[in-house]
Protein backbone atom coordinates (compact mmCIF):
# COMPACT_ATOMS: atom_id res chain seq x y z
CA MET A 1 2.46 9.73 5.16
CA ILE A 2 2.48 7.81 8.33
CA CYS A 3 2.82 4.07 9.16
CA ASP A 4 3.77 1.53 11.73
CA GLY A 5 6.98 -0.12 12.15
CA ALA A 6 6.45 -2.85 9.76
CA GLY A 7 5.34 -0.40 6.87
CA THR A 8 2.03 -0.74 6.91
CA PRO A 9 0.40 2.62 5.57
CA LEU A 10 -1.77 4.32 8.39
CA HIS A 11 -2.70 7.61 7.21
CA VAL A 12 -1.91 9.57 4.01
CA ILE A 13 -2.40 13.22 3.47
CA THR A 14 -1.67 14.56 -0.03
CA THR A 15 -0.83 18.47 -0.44
CA GLY A 16 0.80 20.35 -3.31
CA GLY A 17 4.45 20.01 -4.53
CA ASN A 18 5.24 23.61 -3.06
CA ILE A 19 3.65 22.87 0.19
CA ALA A 20 6.09 22.23 3.29
CA ASP A 21 5.54 18.39 4.71
CA ILE A 22 5.91 20.27 8.41
CA THR A 23 2.44 22.08 7.83
CA GLN A 24 0.51 18.56 7.75
CA GLY A 25 2.33 17.20 10.52
CA VAL A 26 -0.14 17.50 13.52
CA ALA A 27 -3.04 16.49 11.14
CA LEU A 28 -0.75 13.44 10.31
CA LEU A 29 -0.32 12.65 14.11
CA ASP A 30 -4.32 13.29 14.63
CA GLY A 31 -5.42 11.24 11.29
CA VAL A 32 -4.25 7.57 12.66
CA PRO A 33 -7.61 5.89 13.53
CA PRO A 34 -7.59 3.86 16.99
CA ILE A 35 -5.24 0.46 17.30
CA ALA A 36 -7.39 -2.13 17.98
CA GLY A 37 -6.75 -5.90 19.03
CA VAL A 38 -6.05 -5.55 22.94
CA PRO A 39 -8.81 -5.47 25.43
CA GLY A 40 -9.81 -2.29 26.95
CA ARG A 41 -9.92 1.07 25.49
CA PRO A 42 -8.17 1.51 22.07
CA ARG A 43 -4.71 3.07 21.85
CA ARG A 44 -4.70 6.12 19.74
CA ARG A 45 -1.02 7.48 20.14
CA PHE A 46 2.37 6.26 19.25
CA SER A 47 4.87 6.00 21.76
CA VAL A 48 7.37 7.34 19.50
CA LEU A 49 7.58 9.05 16.13
CA LEU A 50 10.49 9.16 14.07
CA ALA A 51 10.35 11.37 11.20
CA ASP A 52 13.24 13.28 8.94
CA LYS A 53 14.74 16.47 9.14
CA GLY A 54 11.39 18.15 7.12
CA TYR A 55 9.98 18.13 10.45
CA ASP A 56 12.24 19.60 12.66
CA SER A 57 10.22 22.55 14.40
CA ALA A 58 10.21 23.22 18.17
CA ALA A 59 6.10 23.78 17.65
CA PHE A 60 5.64 20.42 16.00
CA ARG A 61 8.05 18.98 18.67
CA ALA A 62 5.56 20.58 21.48
CA GLN A 63 2.53 19.01 19.65
CA CYS A 64 4.20 15.72 19.74
CA ARG A 65 4.54 15.62 23.56
CA LYS A 66 1.38 17.56 24.34
CA ARG A 67 -0.02 14.20 22.42
CA LYS A 68 2.45 11.88 24.67
CA THR A 69 4.17 10.75 21.69
CA GLU A 70 8.28 11.26 21.87
CA PRO A 71 9.61 12.68 18.40
CA ILE A 72 12.85 11.62 17.37
CA ILE A 73 13.97 13.93 14.77
CA PRO A 74 17.46 14.95 13.29
CA ARG A 75 18.07 18.63 13.60
CA ARG A 76 18.53 20.72 10.56
CA GLY A 77 22.49 21.00 9.66
CA THR A 78 23.37 18.15 11.90
CA LYS A 79 24.74 15.05 10.24
CA GLY A 80 21.74 12.99 11.92
CA ILE A 81 21.02 10.23 14.68
CA LYS A 82 23.11 7.34 14.30
CA GLY A 83 20.69 4.00 13.55
CA VAL A 84 18.11 6.42 12.15
CA GLY A 85 18.38 5.73 8.80
CA LYS A 86 17.73 1.74 9.14
CA MET A 87 13.90 2.74 10.72
CA ARG A 88 13.43 5.34 7.94
CA TYR A 89 14.09 2.94 5.41
CA VAL A 90 10.63 1.67 6.72
CA VAL A 91 8.91 4.65 5.29
CA GLU A 92 10.84 5.22 2.21
CA GLN A 93 10.39 1.12 1.49
CA THR A 94 6.26 1.98 1.29
CA PHE A 95 6.74 5.13 -0.65
CA ALA A 96 8.71 2.88 -2.99
CA LEU A 97 5.32 0.36 -2.93
CA LEU A 98 3.18 3.11 -3.58
CA HIS A 99 4.98 4.39 -6.49
CA GLN A 100 4.81 0.40 -8.15
CA PHE A 101 1.61 1.86 -9.14
CA ARG A 102 2.51 3.71 -12.42
CA ARG A 103 -0.55 6.50 -11.64
CA LEU A 104 0.82 7.14 -8.07
CA ALA A 105 4.62 7.69 -9.36
CA VAL A 106 3.97 11.29 -11.19
CA ARG A 107 0.62 12.64 -10.37
CA TRP A 108 -1.17 13.71 -13.63
CA GLU A 109 -4.47 14.23 -12.16
CA ARG A 110 -5.11 18.10 -11.58
CA ARG A 111 -7.78 17.49 -9.05
CA LEU A 112 -6.58 16.29 -5.73
CA ASP A 113 -9.67 14.45 -4.80
CA ILE A 114 -8.72 11.91 -7.52
CA HIS A 115 -5.23 11.94 -6.76
CA GLN A 116 -6.31 11.08 -3.18
CA GLY A 117 -8.86 8.40 -4.39
CA PHE A 118 -6.01 6.82 -6.29
CA VAL A 119 -3.71 6.95 -3.22
CA THR A 120 -6.07 5.45 -0.75
CA LEU A 121 -6.47 2.50 -3.30
CA GLY A 122 -3.05 2.02 -3.62
CA CYS A 123 -2.69 1.71 0.44
CA ALA A 124 -5.35 -0.23 0.54
CA LEU A 125 -3.99 -2.87 -1.89
CA ILE A 126 -0.76 -2.70 0.08
CA CYS A 127 -2.66 -3.83 2.78
CA TRP A 128 -4.65 -6.30 1.56
CA ARG A 129 -1.13 -7.76 -0.41
CA ARG A 130 0.34 -7.92 3.50
CA LEU A 131 -2.79 -9.51 4.87
CA ILE A 132 -2.86 -12.43 2.28
CA LYS A 133 1.19 -12.89 2.58
CA GLU A 134 0.66 -13.17 6.76
CA LEU A 135 -2.66 -15.62 6.21
CA ARG A 136 -0.79 -17.66 3.47
CA ARG A 137 2.40 -17.97 6.10
CA SER A 138 0.10 -18.69 9.16
CA CYS A 139 -1.94 -21.66 7.38
C-alpha cells in the first residue's frame, strides 16, 4: 500500500502471503494516479518516499531516484532512522483502518480478483469517510 502523509490510501497491490513486498515496490510507485488541484500539469511523483526495511534494496533505491523520488529506507540489520517510526505510523494506521472491515482482516477468498475488489471498496470507504469529515469541519 502507498498512501499520502495524511494516511489516505493512493494505491494498493495485493499479492500472496509468500511473496516479498519489494517485488511490487516499483509497481506501487508507478500506480499512483496524478495529483490534481494545482494549476499546470498534474504532479505524478513524490519528492520523498518513506518505506520500511522490507524495501531495502539497491535496485529499488535506484528506481526511486530514477523517478526523482528520494527514498528514506532504513538499512537491514540497523536499529532504524530516528523519527521514522512516527512517520511510518501513518501507514500502519491506514492498515488498521482497512482491518476494521472484518472481511479484509483475514483473507477468506481464494480468488485474487474478489479480494482485490473488497480491498478497493475498503479504500474507497476510507476516502469517503475522510471527505465527509473534512466537509463537516469546513461547514
